Amino acid sequence: PLKDVCEPNGIQTGPFGSQLHQKDYVTTGTPIITVEHLGENRIINQDLPRVTDEDKNRLSRYIMQRGDIIFSRVGSVDRRSLVREEEDGWLFSGRCLRVRPDPLQIDSEFLSWFFGFEMFKDYIRRIAVGATMPSLNTELLSKIPVIVPPLPEQRAIAEVLGALDDKIELNRRMNATLEAMARALFREWFVDNPEAEGWERGIVGDDFYLTMGQSPPGETYNETGIGTPFFQGRTDFGVRYPTDRVYCTAPTRFAEEGDTLVSVRAPVGDINLAAKKCAIGRGVAAIRHKSGSRSYTYYAMNYLQDDFFRFEAEGTVFGSINKQDFLSLNILI
């Protein structure tokens, strides 16, 4: 069991909502990560909320250190990121769980890669509890079985996978640079100078078609390729397109090819493009501009990230946005 290869009290949930509120965030201070900052084994160091030194001291038991592994506690429970040197001393939020391995028993990089193994991810999704939203707790995580080779083998495995991961990260940064250029062009063309074009301000509902997902019965899901590709949430989202993993034989709501997929529940605001017609569950919405332009839709949703983050941060148990609030977001027409 995982608890046997962790430090004492090494598996811990983040601070309760009563201990930290959105109003406590400041512009300069110690970063605190939440679910949307958990990338593929790496913490996403952007749009980070921060807390004062006073709050950091008050919440010192939630300080991360290099080698910790941070899990999503709700929603996409298979998401995890390894804490690296640059994130040492940061905090983790109440929507996260921390795993602190015992370095005398297990290599943290090896363990983090083990957590990314597809069979492990399937397992953790199956054991997660909750009628409306999958969730983890310290007891569940403590009992999860892990494979522990001798330390030299662990380190050799981690070294090989780490080298590949570094190459992937370099490619990701190149993609991020191109994405930032595209976002800057979108802002320049469609945001910064609208009056010169005679445009007006409106809401999403004026200019976009929105379909909120709906979840069919669980017994209609499978991973053997029978039926329509199905996305319950952002679990299978990729850099731009999602991966087909789950299928549904009785879908009720659909996204068409080229629609932008938006995560609307824990976390709110992650986006992908539908590569083909697919079914969407309650954690996903499909949206497209009335002109049919998929690129315009995609970057318009990117531009709304600050609005989405507000709904993610304000959730009492987990972040969510409903159809009316989504349609009411301000946008240029």
Protein backbone atom coordinates (compact mmCIF):
# COMPACT_ATOMS: atom_id res chain seq x y z
CA PRO A 1 0.00 0.00 0.00
CA LEU A 2 1.09 3.53 -0.81
CA LYS A 3 1.16 4.63 2.84
CA ASP A 4 3.95 2.14 3.55
CA VAL A 5 6.36 3.90 1.18
CA CYS A 6 5.47 7.44 2.28
CA GLU A 7 6.69 9.56 5.14
CA PRO A 8 4.52 9.67 8.29
CA ASN A 9 1.40 11.77 7.51
CA GLY A 10 2.77 12.00 3.97
CA ILE A 11 -0.67 11.64 2.37
CA GLN A 12 -2.63 14.76 3.16
CA THR A 13 -5.53 16.77 1.80
CA GLY A 14 -5.29 20.53 1.27
CA PRO A 15 -6.78 23.22 3.50
CA PHE A 16 -10.54 23.26 4.02
CA GLY A 17 -12.50 26.08 2.43
CA SER A 18 -12.95 27.77 5.77
CA GLN A 19 -9.16 28.11 6.10
CA LEU A 20 -8.61 29.95 2.82
CA HIS A 21 -10.96 32.06 0.71
CA GLN A 22 -10.61 33.71 -2.68
CA LYS A 23 -10.57 37.10 -0.96
CA ASP A 24 -7.31 36.02 0.73
CA TYR A 25 -5.48 35.91 -2.61
CA VAL A 26 -2.96 38.69 -3.34
CA THR A 27 -0.98 39.76 -6.41
CA THR A 28 2.43 39.29 -4.79
CA GLY A 29 3.22 36.40 -2.46
CA THR A 30 3.60 32.63 -2.35
CA PRO A 31 1.82 30.73 -5.17
CA ILE A 32 -0.87 28.21 -4.29
CA ILE A 33 -1.74 25.56 -6.86
CA THR A 34 -5.15 24.06 -7.47
CA VAL A 35 -6.55 21.46 -9.86
CA GLU A 36 -6.18 23.51 -13.04
CA HIS A 37 -2.44 23.83 -12.42
CA LEU A 38 -1.90 20.05 -12.58
CA GLY A 39 -0.50 19.24 -16.01
CA GLU A 40 0.87 15.92 -17.26
CA ASN A 41 3.32 15.26 -14.44
CA ARG A 42 4.29 18.95 -14.33
CA ILE A 43 2.78 21.89 -12.49
CA ILE A 44 1.54 24.58 -14.87
CA ASN A 45 3.20 27.77 -13.66
CA GLN A 46 0.75 30.35 -14.97
CA ASP A 47 -2.26 32.28 -13.63
CA LEU A 48 -1.26 31.29 -10.11
CA PRO A 49 -3.20 32.69 -7.13
CA ARG A 50 -0.92 33.84 -4.29
CA VAL A 51 -1.11 34.31 -0.53
CA THR A 52 0.66 36.55 1.95
CA ASP A 53 3.58 35.43 4.12
CA GLU A 54 1.21 35.54 7.09
CA ASP A 55 -1.18 33.08 5.43
CA LYS A 56 1.75 30.92 4.32
CA ASN A 57 2.89 30.60 7.93
CA ARG A 58 -0.65 29.91 9.08
CA LEU A 59 -1.00 27.16 6.44
CA SER A 60 2.54 25.79 6.81
CA ARG A 61 1.37 22.16 6.91
CA TYR A 62 0.26 22.59 3.27
CA ILE A 63 3.67 23.74 1.98
CA MET A 64 4.98 21.58 -0.85
CA GLN A 65 8.55 20.38 -1.10
CA ARG A 66 10.57 19.01 -3.98
CA GLY A 67 9.62 15.38 -4.64
CA ASP A 68 6.01 15.70 -3.46
CA ILE A 69 3.32 14.47 -5.85
CA ILE A 70 0.07 16.44 -5.99
CA PHE A 71 -3.22 14.77 -7.00
CA SER A 72 -6.56 16.23 -8.00
CA ARG A 73 -8.96 15.44 -5.16
CA VAL A 74 -12.18 15.95 -7.13
CA GLY A 75 -13.21 15.51 -10.75
CA SER A 76 -10.24 14.31 -12.78
CA VAL A 77 -8.82 12.23 -9.94
CA ASP A 78 -6.11 10.68 -12.15
CA ARG A 79 -4.36 14.02 -12.61
CA ARG A 80 -1.07 14.34 -10.78
CA SER A 81 2.06 16.48 -10.95
CA LEU A 82 5.53 16.12 -9.49
CA VAL A 83 6.80 19.06 -7.44
CA ARG A 84 10.13 20.20 -8.85
CA GLU A 85 12.75 22.55 -7.43
CA GLU A 86 11.09 25.71 -8.76
CA GLU A 87 7.84 24.88 -6.89
CA ASP A 88 9.53 23.99 -3.59
CA GLY A 89 7.91 26.10 -0.84
CA TRP A 90 4.63 26.71 -2.68
CA LEU A 91 1.23 25.70 -1.24
CA PHE A 92 -1.48 23.34 -2.48
CA SER A 93 -5.21 24.02 -2.24
CA GLY A 94 -8.12 22.14 -0.74
CA ARG A 95 -8.98 20.55 -4.08
CA CYS A 96 -5.68 18.69 -4.03
CA LEU A 97 -4.05 15.82 -2.15
CA ARG A 98 -0.33 15.61 -1.40
CA VAL A 99 1.76 12.43 -1.50
CA ARG A 100 5.21 12.73 0.14
CA PRO A 101 7.29 9.59 -0.65
CA ASP A 102 9.93 8.25 1.74
CA PRO A 103 13.17 8.65 -0.28
CA LEU A 104 14.75 5.66 1.50
CA GLN A 105 12.06 3.40 0.02
CA ILE A 106 10.89 4.86 -3.24
CA ASP A 107 12.11 7.38 -5.82
CA SER A 108 9.57 10.19 -6.21
CA GLU A 109 10.12 10.49 -9.98
CA PHE A 110 9.61 6.76 -10.42
CA LEU A 111 6.45 6.88 -8.28
CA SER A 112 5.07 9.80 -10.26
CA TRP A 113 5.60 7.89 -13.51
CA PHE A 114 3.92 4.86 -11.96
CA PHE A 115 0.93 7.08 -11.17
CA GLY A 116 0.82 8.02 -14.87
CA PHE A 117 0.65 4.37 -16.00
CA GLU A 118 -2.69 3.91 -17.80
CA MET A 119 -3.66 0.84 -15.76
CA PHE A 120 -3.09 2.79 -12.55
CA LYS A 121 -5.16 5.73 -13.85
CA ASP A 122 -8.00 3.37 -14.75
CA TYR A 123 -7.80 1.86 -11.27
CA ILE A 124 -7.92 5.18 -9.43
CA ARG A 125 -10.88 6.35 -11.51
CA ARG A 126 -12.76 3.16 -10.60
CA ILE A 127 -12.19 3.44 -6.85
CA ALA A 128 -13.03 7.15 -6.62
CA VAL A 129 -16.23 7.78 -4.68
CA GLY A 130 -19.08 10.25 -5.13
CA ALA A 131 -22.52 10.10 -6.72
CA THR A 132 -22.16 13.27 -8.80
CA MET A 133 -18.39 13.87 -8.87
CA PRO A 134 -15.52 11.38 -8.48
CA SER A 135 -13.42 12.23 -5.43
CA LEU A 136 -10.39 10.93 -3.54
CA ASN A 137 -9.58 11.05 0.15
CA THR A 138 -6.51 10.21 2.20
CA GLU A 139 -7.87 6.80 3.19
CA LEU A 140 -8.46 5.69 -0.40
CA LEU A 141 -5.09 6.97 -1.56
CA SER A 142 -3.25 5.41 1.39
CA LYS A 143 -4.50 1.91 0.50
CA ILE A 144 -3.68 2.03 -3.22
CA PRO A 145 -1.21 -0.77 -4.12
CA VAL A 146 2.04 0.31 -5.77
CA ILE A 147 4.84 -1.74 -7.32
CA VAL A 148 8.23 -1.12 -5.69
CA PRO A 149 11.31 -2.43 -7.55
CA PRO A 150 14.75 -2.04 -5.92
CA LEU A 151 15.81 1.63 -5.69
CA PRO A 152 18.55 1.36 -8.39
CA GLU A 153 15.96 0.04 -10.85
CA GLN A 154 13.50 2.76 -9.89
CA ARG A 155 16.12 5.44 -10.56
CA ALA A 156 17.12 3.90 -13.90
CA ILE A 157 13.48 3.83 -15.03
CA ALA A 158 12.93 7.41 -13.88
CA GLU A 159 16.07 8.60 -15.69
CA VAL A 160 14.97 7.19 -19.05
CA LEU A 161 11.39 8.45 -18.75
CA GLY A 162 12.61 11.80 -17.44
CA ALA A 163 14.80 12.33 -20.51
CA LEU A 164 11.81 11.68 -22.77
CA ASP A 165 9.67 13.96 -20.63
CA ASP A 166 12.22 16.78 -20.98
CA LYS A 167 11.95 16.50 -24.77
CA ILE A 168 8.15 16.51 -24.56
CA GLU A 169 8.31 19.59 -22.32
CA LEU A 170 10.55 21.39 -24.82
CA ASN A 171 8.04 20.67 -27.60
CA ARG A 172 5.22 21.81 -25.33
CA ARG A 173 6.96 25.12 -24.70
CA MET A 174 7.42 25.64 -28.43
CA ASN A 175 3.70 24.96 -28.91
CA ALA A 176 2.90 27.33 -26.05
CA THR A 177 4.93 30.09 -27.73
CA LEU A 178 2.97 29.67 -30.96
CA GLU A 179 -0.27 29.54 -28.99
CA ALA A 180 0.66 32.78 -27.19
CA MET A 181 1.31 34.45 -30.56
CA ALA A 182 -2.13 33.36 -31.78
CA ARG A 183 -3.76 34.66 -28.60
CA ALA A 184 -1.95 37.98 -28.96
CA LEU A 185 -3.22 38.31 -32.53
CA PHE A 186 -6.75 37.50 -31.37
CA ARG A 187 -6.52 40.21 -28.71
CA GLU A 188 -5.12 42.75 -31.17
CA TRP A 189 -7.74 42.05 -33.82
CA PHE A 190 -10.85 41.39 -31.76
CA VAL A 191 -10.40 42.96 -28.31
CA ASP A 192 -8.13 45.98 -28.07
CA ASN A 193 -9.67 48.23 -30.72
CA PRO A 194 -13.29 47.20 -31.37
CA GLU A 195 -14.68 50.71 -31.56
CA ALA A 196 -12.76 51.35 -34.79
CA GLU A 197 -14.69 48.49 -36.37
CA GLY A 198 -18.04 49.59 -35.02
CA TRP A 199 -18.39 46.42 -32.95
CA GLU A 200 -20.43 46.22 -29.78
CA ARG A 201 -20.27 44.42 -26.47
CA GLY A 202 -22.63 41.57 -25.80
CA ILE A 203 -22.76 38.14 -24.23
CA VAL A 204 -21.81 34.63 -25.35
CA GLY A 205 -25.46 33.78 -25.99
CA ASP A 206 -25.69 36.49 -28.65
CA ASP A 207 -22.96 35.04 -30.84
CA PHE A 208 -22.45 31.34 -30.06
CA TYR A 209 -24.34 28.06 -30.04
CA LEU A 210 -23.83 26.22 -26.74
CA THR A 211 -24.61 22.58 -25.93
CA MET A 212 -24.24 21.46 -22.32
CA GLY A 213 -23.36 17.80 -21.89
CA GLN A 214 -25.61 15.20 -20.30
CA SER A 215 -24.43 11.90 -18.82
CA PRO A 216 -26.09 8.66 -19.98
CA PRO A 217 -26.32 5.69 -17.57
CA GLY A 218 -22.93 4.38 -16.49
CA GLU A 219 -23.65 0.89 -17.84
CA THR A 220 -23.63 2.30 -21.39
CA TYR A 221 -19.91 3.24 -21.16
CA ASN A 222 -17.10 1.00 -22.38
CA GLU A 223 -13.44 1.16 -23.33
CA THR A 224 -13.63 -1.43 -26.12
CA GLY A 225 -14.55 1.00 -28.91
CA ILE A 226 -18.27 0.21 -29.09
CA GLY A 227 -20.46 3.24 -29.82
CA THR A 228 -19.54 6.94 -29.91
CA PRO A 229 -16.39 8.48 -28.36
CA PHE A 230 -17.52 9.95 -25.04
CA PHE A 231 -16.03 12.68 -22.85
CA GLN A 232 -17.43 12.99 -19.34
CA GLY A 233 -14.92 15.68 -18.35
CA ARG A 234 -11.47 16.93 -19.27
CA THR A 235 -9.68 13.70 -18.25
CA ASP A 236 -8.84 12.79 -21.85
CA PHE A 237 -8.11 16.32 -23.08
CA GLY A 238 -4.76 16.68 -24.85
CA VAL A 239 -2.67 19.63 -26.03
CA ARG A 240 -5.42 20.50 -28.51
CA TYR A 241 -7.45 17.37 -29.26
CA PRO A 242 -8.80 14.78 -26.81
CA THR A 243 -7.89 11.10 -26.85
CA ASP A 244 -10.65 8.57 -27.56
CA ARG A 245 -10.68 6.24 -24.56
CA VAL A 246 -14.28 5.89 -23.36
CA TYR A 247 -17.21 5.12 -25.68
CA CYS A 248 -20.96 5.25 -25.11
CA THR A 249 -23.70 3.13 -26.69
CA ALA A 250 -26.58 5.44 -25.68
CA PRO A 251 -25.32 9.04 -26.03
CA THR A 252 -27.72 11.93 -25.47
CA ARG A 253 -25.73 15.11 -26.20
CA PHE A 254 -23.16 15.63 -28.93
CA ALA A 255 -20.34 17.88 -30.06
CA GLU A 256 -19.75 18.17 -33.79
CA GLU A 257 -16.34 18.02 -35.46
CA GLY A 258 -14.56 21.35 -34.94
CA ASP A 259 -16.61 22.39 -31.90
CA THR A 260 -14.65 23.73 -28.95
CA LEU A 261 -15.01 21.50 -25.90
CA VAL A 262 -15.03 23.35 -22.57
CA SER A 263 -14.70 21.69 -19.17
CA VAL A 264 -17.57 23.04 -17.05
CA ARG A 265 -16.98 21.07 -13.84
CA ALA A 266 -13.86 20.72 -11.68
CA PRO A 267 -11.91 22.30 -13.25
CA VAL A 268 -13.81 24.95 -15.19
CA GLY A 269 -12.31 26.32 -18.38
CA ASP A 270 -9.98 23.68 -19.83
CA ILE A 271 -10.53 23.57 -23.58
CA ASN A 272 -9.93 21.22 -26.52
CA LEU A 273 -11.18 20.86 -30.08
CA ALA A 274 -13.45 18.01 -31.10
CA ALA A 275 -11.59 16.08 -33.82
CA LYS A 276 -14.80 14.23 -34.76
CA LYS A 277 -18.42 13.98 -33.69
CA CYS A 278 -18.47 12.81 -30.08
CA ALA A 279 -20.76 12.45 -27.09
CA ILE A 280 -20.38 14.78 -24.10
CA GLY A 281 -21.26 14.21 -20.45
CA ARG A 282 -22.20 16.69 -17.76
CA GLY A 283 -18.60 17.83 -17.24
CA VAL A 284 -18.23 19.17 -20.79
CA ALA A 285 -19.94 21.76 -23.01
CA ALA A 286 -19.62 22.13 -26.78
CA ILE A 287 -19.62 25.60 -28.29
CA ARG A 288 -19.22 27.13 -31.75
CA HIS A 289 -19.56 30.60 -33.22
CA LYS A 290 -22.65 31.18 -35.34
CA SER A 291 -20.38 31.78 -38.34
CA GLY A 292 -19.04 28.24 -37.91
CA SER A 293 -15.43 29.44 -37.46
CA ARG A 294 -13.73 26.92 -35.22
CA SER A 295 -10.54 28.99 -34.81
CA TYR A 296 -12.46 32.07 -33.73
CA THR A 297 -14.45 29.97 -31.24
CA TYR A 298 -11.32 28.32 -29.85
CA TYR A 299 -9.50 31.59 -29.20
CA ALA A 300 -12.61 33.33 -27.91
CA MET A 301 -12.89 30.59 -25.27
CA ASN A 302 -9.18 31.04 -24.50
CA TYR A 303 -9.85 34.73 -23.98
CA LEU A 304 -12.56 33.89 -21.41
CA GLN A 305 -10.13 31.99 -19.15
CA ASP A 306 -10.24 34.65 -16.41
CA ASP A 307 -14.04 34.38 -16.33
CA PHE A 308 -13.89 30.59 -16.17
CA PHE A 309 -11.34 30.73 -13.37
CA ARG A 310 -13.73 32.82 -11.29
CA PHE A 311 -16.30 30.02 -11.40
CA GLU A 312 -13.61 27.45 -10.61
CA ALA A 313 -12.46 29.44 -7.57
CA GLU A 314 -15.93 30.23 -6.21
CA GLY A 315 -17.26 26.65 -5.99
CA THR A 316 -18.04 25.57 -2.44
CA VAL A 317 -17.20 21.89 -3.06
CA PHE A 318 -15.94 21.93 -6.64
CA GLY A 319 -15.94 24.52 -9.40
CA SER A 320 -18.72 24.54 -11.98
CA ILE A 321 -20.51 26.84 -14.41
CA ASN A 322 -24.11 26.34 -15.55
CA LYS A 323 -25.62 27.09 -18.95
CA GLN A 324 -27.16 30.44 -18.01
CA ASP A 325 -23.93 31.75 -16.48
CA PHE A 326 -21.93 30.53 -19.49
CA LEU A 327 -24.29 32.22 -21.97
CA SER A 328 -24.16 35.44 -19.90
CA LEU A 329 -20.37 35.90 -20.06
CA ASN A 330 -19.38 39.21 -21.68
CA ILE A 331 -17.83 39.12 -25.13
CA LEU A 332 -17.44 41.32 -28.20
CA ILE A 333 -19.89 40.93 -31.09
